[in-house]
Amino acid sequence: MGKRSGHHYIDETCIGCGACEHACPGKVDAIERLEQDFLGRFIIRLDDCIDCAFCIPMCPIACIHDARAEGVVEGSGGYSRIRELQAWAERRDASSADAT
């Protein structure tokens, strides 16, 4: 059995309001602000997400999605794109931390 991964993601239309971060259960804490992002956008760490979906109704602009509801499943192009976006965010955070 492989490592479990969540299915919720935040698209690029995020306005950085933080409502999703506050909705994420405290022990899970899978949502974080992208460091060094000019717009202050958030991401969902897929490896930490438990798919509770508490964040979805809190988002005022509906930028949080469940990949399964959109027909995107692990191994498909869309899911791979979500993973690429998450990896990009992690690399960006790491490089900004190294610069300080």
PDB file of N, CA and C in Angstrom:
ATOM      1  N   MET A   1       0.848  -1.171   0.000  1.00  0.00           N
ATOM      2  CA  MET A   1       0.000   0.000   0.000  1.00  0.00           C
ATOM      3  C   MET A   1       0.897   1.239   0.000  1.00  0.00           C
ATOM      4  N   GLY A   2       0.648   2.179  -0.929  1.00  0.00           N
ATOM      5  CA  GLY A   2       1.460   3.385  -1.050  1.00  0.00           C
ATOM      6  C   GLY A   2       1.035   4.448  -0.050  1.00  0.00           C
ATOM      7  N   LYS A   3       1.783   5.505  -0.061  1.00  0.00           N
ATOM      8  CA  LYS A   3       1.499   6.622   0.833  1.00  0.00           C
ATOM      9  C   LYS A   3       0.221   7.321   0.396  1.00  0.00           C
ATOM     10  N   ARG A   4      -0.664   7.609   1.349  1.00  0.00           N
ATOM     11  CA  ARG A   4      -1.916   8.273   1.056  1.00  0.00           C
ATOM     12  C   ARG A   4      -1.669   9.727   0.684  1.00  0.00           C
ATOM     13  N   SER A   5      -2.464  10.246  -0.225  1.00  0.00           N
ATOM     14  CA  SER A   5      -2.330  11.624  -0.647  1.00  0.00           C
ATOM     15  C   SER A   5      -3.715  12.227  -0.820  1.00  0.00           C
ATOM     16  N   GLY A   6      -3.867  13.479  -0.408  1.00  0.00           N
ATOM     17  CA  GLY A   6      -5.149  14.164  -0.551  1.00  0.00           C
ATOM     18  C   GLY A   6      -5.458  14.489  -1.994  1.00  0.00           C
ATOM     19  N   HIS A   7      -6.661  14.966  -2.204  1.00  0.00           N
ATOM     20  CA  HIS A   7      -7.127  15.256  -3.556  1.00  0.00           C
ATOM     21  C   HIS A   7      -7.552  16.712  -3.755  1.00  0.00           C
ATOM     22  N   HIS A   8      -7.507  17.502  -2.702  1.00  0.00           N
ATOM     23  CA  HIS A   8      -7.937  18.900  -2.816  1.00  0.00           C
ATOM     24  C   HIS A   8      -6.760  19.787  -3.185  1.00  0.00           C
ATOM     25  N   TYR A   9      -7.041  20.778  -4.013  1.00  0.00           N
ATOM     26  CA  TYR A   9      -5.989  21.704  -4.409  1.00  0.00           C
ATOM     27  C   TYR A   9      -6.573  23.096  -4.586  1.00  0.00           C
ATOM     28  N   ILE A  10      -5.698  24.088  -4.505  1.00  0.00           N
ATOM     29  CA  ILE A  10      -6.072  25.491  -4.678  1.00  0.00           C
ATOM     30  C   ILE A  10      -5.520  25.943  -6.018  1.00  0.00           C
ATOM     31  N   ASP A  11      -6.372  26.512  -6.856  1.00  0.00           N
ATOM     32  CA  ASP A  11      -5.893  26.946  -8.165  1.00  0.00           C
ATOM     33  C   ASP A  11      -5.255  28.334  -8.094  1.00  0.00           C
ATOM     34  N   GLU A  12      -4.768  28.800  -9.235  1.00  0.00           N
ATOM     35  CA  GLU A  12      -4.002  30.043  -9.288  1.00  0.00           C
ATOM     36  C   GLU A  12      -4.833  31.305  -9.094  1.00  0.00           C
ATOM     37  N   THR A  13      -6.159  31.178  -8.977  1.00  0.00           N
ATOM     38  CA  THR A  13      -6.998  32.358  -8.771  1.00  0.00           C
ATOM     39  C   THR A  13      -7.097  32.764  -7.300  1.00  0.00           C
ATOM     40  N   CYS A  14      -6.403  32.035  -6.425  1.00  0.00           N
ATOM     41  CA  CYS A  14      -6.395  32.334  -4.987  1.00  0.00           C
ATOM     42  C   CYS A  14      -6.051  33.809  -4.764  1.00  0.00           C
ATOM     43  N   ILE A  15      -6.800  34.458  -3.872  1.00  0.00           N
ATOM     44  CA  ILE A  15      -6.561  35.872  -3.566  1.00  0.00           C
ATOM     45  C   ILE A  15      -5.826  36.055  -2.240  1.00  0.00           C
ATOM     46  N   GLY A  16      -5.478  34.968  -1.579  1.00  0.00           N
ATOM     47  CA  GLY A  16      -4.693  35.039  -0.357  1.00  0.00           C
ATOM     48  C   GLY A  16      -5.453  35.525   0.868  1.00  0.00           C
ATOM     49  N   CYS A  17      -6.744  35.291   0.930  1.00  0.00           N
ATOM     50  CA  CYS A  17      -7.543  35.794   2.058  1.00  0.00           C
ATOM     51  C   CYS A  17      -7.287  35.013   3.345  1.00  0.00           C
ATOM     52  N   GLY A  18      -6.901  33.743   3.243  1.00  0.00           N
ATOM     53  CA  GLY A  18      -6.590  32.934   4.412  1.00  0.00           C
ATOM     54  C   GLY A  18      -7.754  32.190   5.023  1.00  0.00           C
ATOM     55  N   ALA A  19      -8.948  32.310   4.461  1.00  0.00           N
ATOM     56  CA  ALA A  19     -10.109  31.613   5.022  1.00  0.00           C
ATOM     57  C   ALA A  19      -9.894  30.100   5.039  1.00  0.00           C
ATOM     58  N   CYS A  20      -9.273  29.568   4.017  1.00  0.00           N
ATOM     59  CA  CYS A  20      -9.026  28.130   3.935  1.00  0.00           C
ATOM     60  C   CYS A  20      -8.091  27.658   5.036  1.00  0.00           C
ATOM     61  N   GLU A  21      -7.067  28.430   5.303  1.00  0.00           N
ATOM     62  CA  GLU A  21      -6.097  28.059   6.332  1.00  0.00           C
ATOM     63  C   GLU A  21      -6.768  27.942   7.694  1.00  0.00           C
ATOM     64  N   HIS A  22      -7.691  28.841   7.971  1.00  0.00           N
ATOM     65  CA  HIS A  22      -8.398  28.806   9.247  1.00  0.00           C
ATOM     66  C   HIS A  22      -9.393  27.652   9.324  1.00  0.00           C
ATOM     67  N   ALA A  23      -9.882  27.190   8.180  1.00  0.00           N
ATOM     68  CA  ALA A  23     -10.850  26.092   8.151  1.00  0.00           C
ATOM     69  C   ALA A  23     -10.184  24.727   8.317  1.00  0.00           C
ATOM     70  N   CYS A  24      -8.914  24.634   7.960  1.00  0.00           N
ATOM     71  CA  CYS A  24      -8.202  23.354   8.022  1.00  0.00           C
ATOM     72  C   CYS A  24      -8.050  22.939   9.489  1.00  0.00           C
ATOM     73  N   PRO A  25      -8.431  21.706   9.820  1.00  0.00           N
ATOM     74  CA  PRO A  25      -8.334  21.275  11.213  1.00  0.00           C
ATOM     75  C   PRO A  25      -6.919  21.432  11.759  1.00  0.00           C
ATOM     76  N   GLY A  26      -6.808  21.895  12.983  1.00  0.00           N
ATOM     77  CA  GLY A  26      -5.528  22.207  13.603  1.00  0.00           C
ATOM     78  C   GLY A  26      -4.499  21.104  13.596  1.00  0.00           C
ATOM     79  N   LYS A  27      -4.910  19.879  13.836  1.00  0.00           N
ATOM     80  CA  LYS A  27      -3.945  18.783  13.854  1.00  0.00           C
ATOM     81  C   LYS A  27      -3.501  18.398  12.450  1.00  0.00           C
ATOM     82  N   VAL A  28      -4.284  18.778  11.463  1.00  0.00           N
ATOM     83  CA  VAL A  28      -3.936  18.470  10.077  1.00  0.00           C
ATOM     84  C   VAL A  28      -3.021  19.561   9.539  1.00  0.00           C
ATOM     85  N   ASP A  29      -3.488  20.786   9.563  1.00  0.00           N
ATOM     86  CA  ASP A  29      -2.703  21.952   9.155  1.00  0.00           C
ATOM     87  C   ASP A  29      -2.032  21.754   7.796  1.00  0.00           C
ATOM     88  N   ALA A  30      -2.818  21.355   6.796  1.00  0.00           N
ATOM     89  CA  ALA A  30      -2.282  21.060   5.468  1.00  0.00           C
ATOM     90  C   ALA A  30      -2.229  22.269   4.549  1.00  0.00           C
ATOM     91  N   ILE A  31      -2.771  23.393   4.973  1.00  0.00           N
ATOM     92  CA  ILE A  31      -2.812  24.580   4.119  1.00  0.00           C
ATOM     93  C   ILE A  31      -1.818  25.599   4.639  1.00  0.00           C
ATOM     94  N   GLU A  32      -1.020  26.138   3.712  1.00  0.00           N
ATOM     95  CA  GLU A  32      -0.033  27.132   4.111  1.00  0.00           C
ATOM     96  C   GLU A  32       0.109  28.205   3.046  1.00  0.00           C
ATOM     97  N   ARG A  33       0.547  29.362   3.497  1.00  0.00           N
ATOM     98  CA  ARG A  33       0.792  30.486   2.589  1.00  0.00           C
ATOM     99  C   ARG A  33       2.100  30.229   1.846  1.00  0.00           C
ATOM    100  N   LEU A  34       2.093  30.551   0.559  1.00  0.00           N
ATOM    101  CA  LEU A  34       3.312  30.451  -0.227  1.00  0.00           C
ATOM    102  C   LEU A  34       4.234  31.602   0.147  1.00  0.00           C
ATOM    103  N   GLU A  35       5.388  31.276   0.671  1.00  0.00           N
ATOM    104  CA  GLU A  35       6.368  32.308   1.010  1.00  0.00           C
ATOM    105  C   GLU A  35       6.854  32.971  -0.270  1.00  0.00           C
ATOM    106  N   GLN A  36       7.107  34.238  -0.189  1.00  0.00           N
ATOM    107  CA  GLN A  36       7.634  35.017  -1.314  1.00  0.00           C
ATOM    108  C   GLN A  36       6.677  35.100  -2.499  1.00  0.00           C
ATOM    109  N   ASP A  37       5.413  34.773  -2.310  1.00  0.00           N
ATOM    110  CA  ASP A  37       4.433  34.914  -3.375  1.00  0.00           C
ATOM    111  C   ASP A  37       3.830  36.306  -3.272  1.00  0.00           C
ATOM    112  N   PHE A  38       3.932  37.084  -4.305  1.00  0.00           N
ATOM    113  CA  PHE A  38       3.490  38.471  -4.307  1.00  0.00           C
ATOM    114  C   PHE A  38       2.021  38.602  -3.912  1.00  0.00           C
ATOM    115  N   LEU A  39       1.203  37.662  -4.332  1.00  0.00           N
ATOM    116  CA  LEU A  39      -0.232  37.727  -4.054  1.00  0.00           C
ATOM    117  C   LEU A  39      -0.611  37.095  -2.717  1.00  0.00           C
ATOM    118  N   GLY A  40       0.337  36.465  -2.047  1.00  0.00           N
ATOM    119  CA  GLY A  40       0.042  35.838  -0.759  1.00  0.00           C
ATOM    120  C   GLY A  40      -0.855  34.624  -0.876  1.00  0.00           C
ATOM    121  N   ARG A  41      -0.748  33.901  -1.987  1.00  0.00           N
ATOM    122  CA  ARG A  41      -1.604  32.743  -2.222  1.00  0.00           C
ATOM    123  C   ARG A  41      -1.257  31.576  -1.301  1.00  0.00           C
ATOM    124  N   PHE A  42      -2.192  30.653  -1.213  1.00  0.00           N
ATOM    125  CA  PHE A  42      -2.054  29.470  -0.361  1.00  0.00           C
ATOM    126  C   PHE A  42      -1.974  28.222  -1.213  1.00  0.00           C
ATOM    127  N   ILE A  43      -1.417  27.157  -0.617  1.00  0.00           N
ATOM    128  CA  ILE A  43      -1.395  25.830  -1.238  1.00  0.00           C
ATOM    129  C   ILE A  43      -1.875  24.816  -0.217  1.00  0.00           C
ATOM    130  N   ILE A  44      -2.306  23.674  -0.715  1.00  0.00           N
ATOM    131  CA  ILE A  44      -2.654  22.537   0.133  1.00  0.00           C
ATOM    132  C   ILE A  44      -1.571  21.491  -0.068  1.00  0.00           C
ATOM    133  N   ARG A  45      -0.906  21.107   1.002  1.00  0.00           N
ATOM    134  CA  ARG A  45       0.092  20.043   0.924  1.00  0.00           C
ATOM    135  C   ARG A  45      -0.665  18.718   0.799  1.00  0.00           C
ATOM    136  N   LEU A  46      -0.601  18.127  -0.381  1.00  0.00           N
ATOM    137  CA  LEU A  46      -1.376  16.917  -0.666  1.00  0.00           C
ATOM    138  C   LEU A  46      -1.043  15.771   0.272  1.00  0.00           C
ATOM    139  N   ASP A  47       0.209  15.680   0.687  1.00  0.00           N
ATOM    140  CA  ASP A  47       0.606  14.572   1.567  1.00  0.00           C
ATOM    141  C   ASP A  47       0.032  14.716   2.971  1.00  0.00           C
ATOM    142  N   ASP A  48      -0.388  15.929   3.345  1.00  0.00           N
ATOM    143  CA  ASP A  48      -0.953  16.158   4.674  1.00  0.00           C
ATOM    144  C   ASP A  48      -2.479  16.262   4.662  1.00  0.00           C
ATOM    145  N   CYS A  49      -3.059  16.540   3.512  1.00  0.00           N
ATOM    146  CA  CYS A  49      -4.509  16.733   3.387  1.00  0.00           C
ATOM    147  C   CYS A  49      -5.262  15.433   3.694  1.00  0.00           C
ATOM    148  N   ILE A  50      -6.326  15.546   4.497  1.00  0.00           N
ATOM    149  CA  ILE A  50      -7.133  14.368   4.834  1.00  0.00           C
ATOM    150  C   ILE A  50      -8.458  14.352   4.075  1.00  0.00           C
ATOM    151  N   ASP A  51      -8.610  15.249   3.111  1.00  0.00           N
ATOM    152  CA  ASP A  51      -9.818  15.320   2.278  1.00  0.00           C
ATOM    153  C   ASP A  51     -11.088  15.604   3.065  1.00  0.00           C
ATOM    154  N   CYS A  52     -10.979  16.384   4.131  1.00  0.00           N
ATOM    155  CA  CYS A  52     -12.170  16.700   4.927  1.00  0.00           C
ATOM    156  C   CYS A  52     -13.078  17.710   4.216  1.00  0.00           C
ATOM    157  N   ALA A  53     -12.509  18.511   3.329  1.00  0.00           N
ATOM    158  CA  ALA A  53     -13.233  19.500   2.531  1.00  0.00           C
ATOM    159  C   ALA A  53     -13.805  20.665   3.341  1.00  0.00           C
ATOM    160  N   PHE A  54     -13.343  20.862   4.570  1.00  0.00           N
ATOM    161  CA  PHE A  54     -13.806  22.001   5.365  1.00  0.00           C
ATOM    162  C   PHE A  54     -13.452  23.322   4.701  1.00  0.00           C
ATOM    163  N   CYS A  55     -12.374  23.350   3.940  1.00  0.00           N
ATOM    164  CA  CYS A  55     -11.903  24.584   3.311  1.00  0.00           C
ATOM    165  C   CYS A  55     -12.770  25.030   2.138  1.00  0.00           C
ATOM    166  N   ILE A  56     -13.383  24.102   1.439  1.00  0.00           N
ATOM    167  CA  ILE A  56     -14.105  24.444   0.201  1.00  0.00           C
ATOM    168  C   ILE A  56     -15.208  25.476   0.420  1.00  0.00           C
ATOM    169  N   PRO A  57     -16.131  25.294   1.361  1.00  0.00           N
ATOM    170  CA  PRO A  57     -17.197  26.294   1.503  1.00  0.00           C
ATOM    171  C   PRO A  57     -16.704  27.626   2.083  1.00  0.00           C
ATOM    172  N   MET A  58     -15.507  27.632   2.664  1.00  0.00           N
ATOM    173  CA  MET A  58     -14.971  28.865   3.240  1.00  0.00           C
ATOM    174  C   MET A  58     -14.380  29.796   2.194  1.00  0.00           C
ATOM    175  N   CYS A  59     -14.007  29.278   1.059  1.00  0.00           N
ATOM    176  CA  CYS A  59     -13.347  30.074   0.021  1.00  0.00           C
ATOM    177  C   CYS A  59     -14.345  31.005  -0.655  1.00  0.00           C
ATOM    178  N   PRO A  60     -14.116  32.330  -0.578  1.00  0.00           N
ATOM    179  CA  PRO A  60     -15.075  33.273  -1.167  1.00  0.00           C
ATOM    180  C   PRO A  60     -15.048  33.319  -2.686  1.00  0.00           C
ATOM    181  N   ILE A  61     -14.010  32.753  -3.304  1.00  0.00           N
ATOM    182  CA  ILE A  61     -13.943  32.805  -4.773  1.00  0.00           C
ATOM    183  C   ILE A  61     -13.950  31.426  -5.427  1.00  0.00           C
ATOM    184  N   ALA A  62     -14.201  30.403  -4.648  1.00  0.00           N
ATOM    185  CA  ALA A  62     -14.313  29.022  -5.147  1.00  0.00           C
ATOM    186  C   ALA A  62     -13.077  28.566  -5.910  1.00  0.00           C
ATOM    187  N   CYS A  63     -11.888  28.795  -5.323  1.00  0.00           N
ATOM    188  CA  CYS A  63     -10.661  28.371  -6.001  1.00  0.00           C
ATOM    189  C   CYS A  63     -10.115  27.055  -5.455  1.00  0.00           C
ATOM    190  N   ILE A  64     -10.855  26.413  -4.534  1.00  0.00           N
ATOM    191  CA  ILE A  64     -10.426  25.127  -3.986  1.00  0.00           C
ATOM    192  C   ILE A  64     -11.262  24.032  -4.628  1.00  0.00           C
ATOM    193  N   HIS A  65     -10.587  23.006  -5.106  1.00  0.00           N
ATOM    194  CA  HIS A  65     -11.265  21.957  -5.874  1.00  0.00           C
ATOM    195  C   HIS A  65     -10.909  20.577  -5.346  1.00  0.00           C
ATOM    196  N   ASP A  66     -11.822  19.646  -5.561  1.00  0.00           N
ATOM    197  CA  ASP A  66     -11.582  18.238  -5.292  1.00  0.00           C
ATOM    198  C   ASP A  66     -11.302  17.588  -6.643  1.00  0.00           C
ATOM    199  N   ALA A  67     -10.072  17.150  -6.839  1.00  0.00           N
ATOM    200  CA  ALA A  67      -9.666  16.585  -8.128  1.00  0.00           C
ATOM    201  C   ALA A  67     -10.545  15.409  -8.540  1.00  0.00           C
ATOM    202  N   ARG A  68     -11.020  14.635  -7.564  1.00  0.00           N
ATOM    203  CA  ARG A  68     -11.862  13.473  -7.897  1.00  0.00           C
ATOM    204  C   ARG A  68     -13.189  13.906  -8.482  1.00  0.00           C
ATOM    205  N   ALA A  69     -13.764  14.985  -7.960  1.00  0.00           N
ATOM    206  CA  ALA A  69     -15.049  15.473  -8.460  1.00  0.00           C
ATOM    207  C   ALA A  69     -14.923  16.018  -9.876  1.00  0.00           C
ATOM    208  N   GLU A  70     -13.719  16.423 -10.245  1.00  0.00           N
ATOM    209  CA  GLU A  70     -13.477  16.962 -11.580  1.00  0.00           C
ATOM    210  C   GLU A  70     -13.008  15.883 -12.550  1.00  0.00           C
ATOM    211  N   GLY A  71     -13.012  14.647 -12.100  1.00  0.00           N
ATOM    212  CA  GLY A  71     -12.588  13.543 -12.959  1.00  0.00           C
ATOM    213  C   GLY A  71     -11.080  13.421 -13.066  1.00  0.00           C
ATOM    214  N   VAL A  72     -10.352  14.121 -12.194  1.00  0.00           N
ATOM    215  CA  VAL A  72      -8.895  14.036 -12.186  1.00  0.00           C
ATOM    216  C   VAL A  72      -8.505  13.009 -11.139  1.00  0.00           C
ATOM    217  N   VAL A  73      -7.818  11.979 -11.553  1.00  0.00           N
ATOM    218  CA  VAL A  73      -7.400  10.937 -10.625  1.00  0.00           C
ATOM    219  C   VAL A  73      -5.892  10.764 -10.705  1.00  0.00           C
ATOM    220  N   GLU A  74      -5.326  10.186  -9.655  1.00  0.00           N
ATOM    221  CA  GLU A  74      -3.882   9.991  -9.620  1.00  0.00           C
ATOM    222  C   GLU A  74      -3.431   9.206 -10.847  1.00  0.00           C
ATOM    223  N   GLY A  75      -2.367   9.690 -11.449  1.00  0.00           N
ATOM    224  CA  GLY A  75      -1.851   9.052 -12.647  1.00  0.00           C
ATOM    225  C   GLY A  75      -2.322   9.714 -13.922  1.00  0.00           C
ATOM    226  N   SER A  76      -3.346  10.564 -13.835  1.00  0.00           N
ATOM    227  CA  SER A  76      -3.806  11.252 -15.038  1.00  0.00           C
ATOM    228  C   SER A  76      -3.072  12.574 -15.183  1.00  0.00           C
ATOM    229  N   GLY A  77      -3.191  13.190 -16.332  1.00  0.00           N
ATOM    230  CA  GLY A  77      -2.503  14.445 -16.607  1.00  0.00           C
ATOM    231  C   GLY A  77      -2.845  15.549 -15.635  1.00  0.00           C
ATOM    232  N   GLY A  78      -4.108  15.687 -15.278  1.00  0.00           N
ATOM    233  CA  GLY A  78      -4.503  16.748 -14.365  1.00  0.00           C
ATOM    234  C   GLY A  78      -3.920  16.568 -12.987  1.00  0.00           C
ATOM    235  N   TYR A  79      -3.922  15.353 -12.493  1.00  0.00           N
ATOM    236  CA  TYR A  79      -3.366  15.089 -11.163  1.00  0.00           C
ATOM    237  C   TYR A  79      -1.864  15.347 -11.170  1.00  0.00           C
ATOM    238  N   SER A  80      -1.219  14.966 -12.266  1.00  0.00           N
ATOM    239  CA  SER A  80       0.216  15.215 -12.391  1.00  0.00           C
ATOM    240  C   SER A  80       0.487  16.712 -12.381  1.00  0.00           C
ATOM    241  N   ARG A  81      -0.369  17.491 -13.010  1.00  0.00           N
ATOM    242  CA  ARG A  81      -0.209  18.946 -13.030  1.00  0.00           C
ATOM    243  C   ARG A  81      -0.347  19.513 -11.614  1.00  0.00           C
ATOM    244  N   ILE A  82      -1.266  19.006 -10.833  1.00  0.00           N
ATOM    245  CA  ILE A  82      -1.420  19.448  -9.451  1.00  0.00           C
ATOM    246  C   ILE A  82      -0.134  19.150  -8.690  1.00  0.00           C
ATOM    247  N   ARG A  83       0.419  17.965  -8.865  1.00  0.00           N
ATOM    248  CA  ARG A  83       1.667  17.589  -8.198  1.00  0.00           C
ATOM    249  C   ARG A  83       2.820  18.502  -8.647  1.00  0.00           C
ATOM    250  N   GLU A  84       2.851  18.856  -9.935  1.00  0.00           N
ATOM    251  CA  GLU A  84       3.894  19.754 -10.429  1.00  0.00           C
ATOM    252  C   GLU A  84       3.787  21.120  -9.762  1.00  0.00           C
ATOM    253  N   LEU A  85       2.579  21.629  -9.601  1.00  0.00           N
ATOM    254  CA  LEU A  85       2.387  22.918  -8.946  1.00  0.00           C
ATOM    255  C   LEU A  85       2.836  22.854  -7.490  1.00  0.00           C
ATOM    256  N   GLN A  86       2.523  21.771  -6.801  1.00  0.00           N
ATOM    257  CA  GLN A  86       2.947  21.613  -5.416  1.00  0.00           C
ATOM    258  C   GLN A  86       4.474  21.548  -5.326  1.00  0.00           C
ATOM    259  N   ALA A  87       5.107  20.819  -6.227  1.00  0.00           N
ATOM    260  CA  ALA A  87       6.565  20.705  -6.215  1.00  0.00           C
ATOM    261  C   ALA A  87       7.204  22.058  -6.497  1.00  0.00           C
ATOM    262  N   TRP A  88       6.633  22.809  -7.418  1.00  0.00           N
ATOM    263  CA  TRP A  88       7.137  24.149  -7.715  1.00  0.00           C
ATOM    264  C   TRP A  88       7.075  25.026  -6.467  1.00  0.00           C
ATOM    265  N   ALA A  89       5.973  24.976  -5.758  1.00  0.00           N
ATOM    266  CA  ALA A  89       5.814  25.790  -4.550  1.00  0.00           C
ATOM    267  C   ALA A  89       6.836  25.389  -3.496  1.00  0.00           C
ATOM    268  N   GLU A  90       7.079  24.082  -3.345  1.00  0.00           N
ATOM    269  CA  GLU A  90       8.048  23.620  -2.353  1.00  0.00           C
ATOM    270  C   GLU A  90       9.463  24.057  -2.714  1.00  0.00           C
ATOM    271  N   ARG A  91       9.821  23.967  -4.013  1.00  0.00           N
ATOM    272  CA  ARG A  91      11.157  24.399  -4.438  1.00  0.00           C
ATOM    273  C   ARG A  91      11.322  25.902  -4.227  1.00  0.00           C
ATOM    274  N   ARG A  92      10.281  26.646  -4.522  1.00  0.00           N
ATOM    275  CA  ARG A  92      10.344  28.097  -4.375  1.00  0.00           C
ATOM    276  C   ARG A  92      10.537  28.475  -2.905  1.00  0.00           C
ATOM    277  N   ASP A  93       9.805  27.822  -2.018  1.00  0.00           N
ATOM    278  CA  ASP A  93       9.958  28.081  -0.591  1.00  0.00           C
ATOM    279  C   ASP A  93      11.365  27.708  -0.117  1.00  0.00           C
ATOM    280  N   ALA A  94      11.884  26.596  -0.591  1.00  0.00           N
ATOM    281  CA  ALA A  94      13.216  26.153  -0.170  1.00  0.00           C
ATOM    282  C   ALA A  94      14.285  27.133  -0.645  1.00  0.00           C
ATOM    283  N   SER A  95      14.170  27.605  -1.876  1.00  0.00           N
ATOM    284  CA  SER A  95      15.182  28.523  -2.393  1.00  0.00           C
ATOM    285  C   SER A  95      15.121  29.877  -1.692  1.00  0.00           C
ATOM    286  N   SER A  96      13.926  30.326  -1.314  1.00  0.00           N
ATOM    287  CA  SER A  96      13.828  31.608  -0.601  1.00  0.00           C
ATOM    288  C   SER A  96      14.366  31.458   0.818  1.00  0.00           C
ATOM    289  N   ALA A  97      14.207  30.300   1.424  1.00  0.00           N
ATOM    290  CA  ALA A  97      14.732  30.060   2.768  1.00  0.00           C
ATOM    291  C   ALA A  97      16.266  30.002   2.736  1.00  0.00           C
ATOM    292  N   ASP A  98      16.817  29.431   1.665  1.00  0.00           N
ATOM    293  CA  ASP A  98      18.263  29.353   1.533  1.00  0.00           C
ATOM    294  C   ASP A  98      18.889  30.724   1.308  1.00  0.00           C
ATOM    295  N   ALA A  99      18.137  31.628   0.705  1.00  0.00           N
ATOM    296  CA  ALA A  99      18.643  32.954   0.394  1.00  0.00           C
ATOM    297  C   ALA A  99      18.718  33.848   1.631  1.00  0.00           C
ATOM    298  N   THR A 100      17.976  33.475   2.674  1.00  0.00           N
ATOM    299  CA  THR A 100      17.970  34.318   3.887  1.00  0.00           C
ATOM    300  C   THR A 100      19.009  33.920   4.876  1.00  0.00           C
TER     301      THR A 100
END
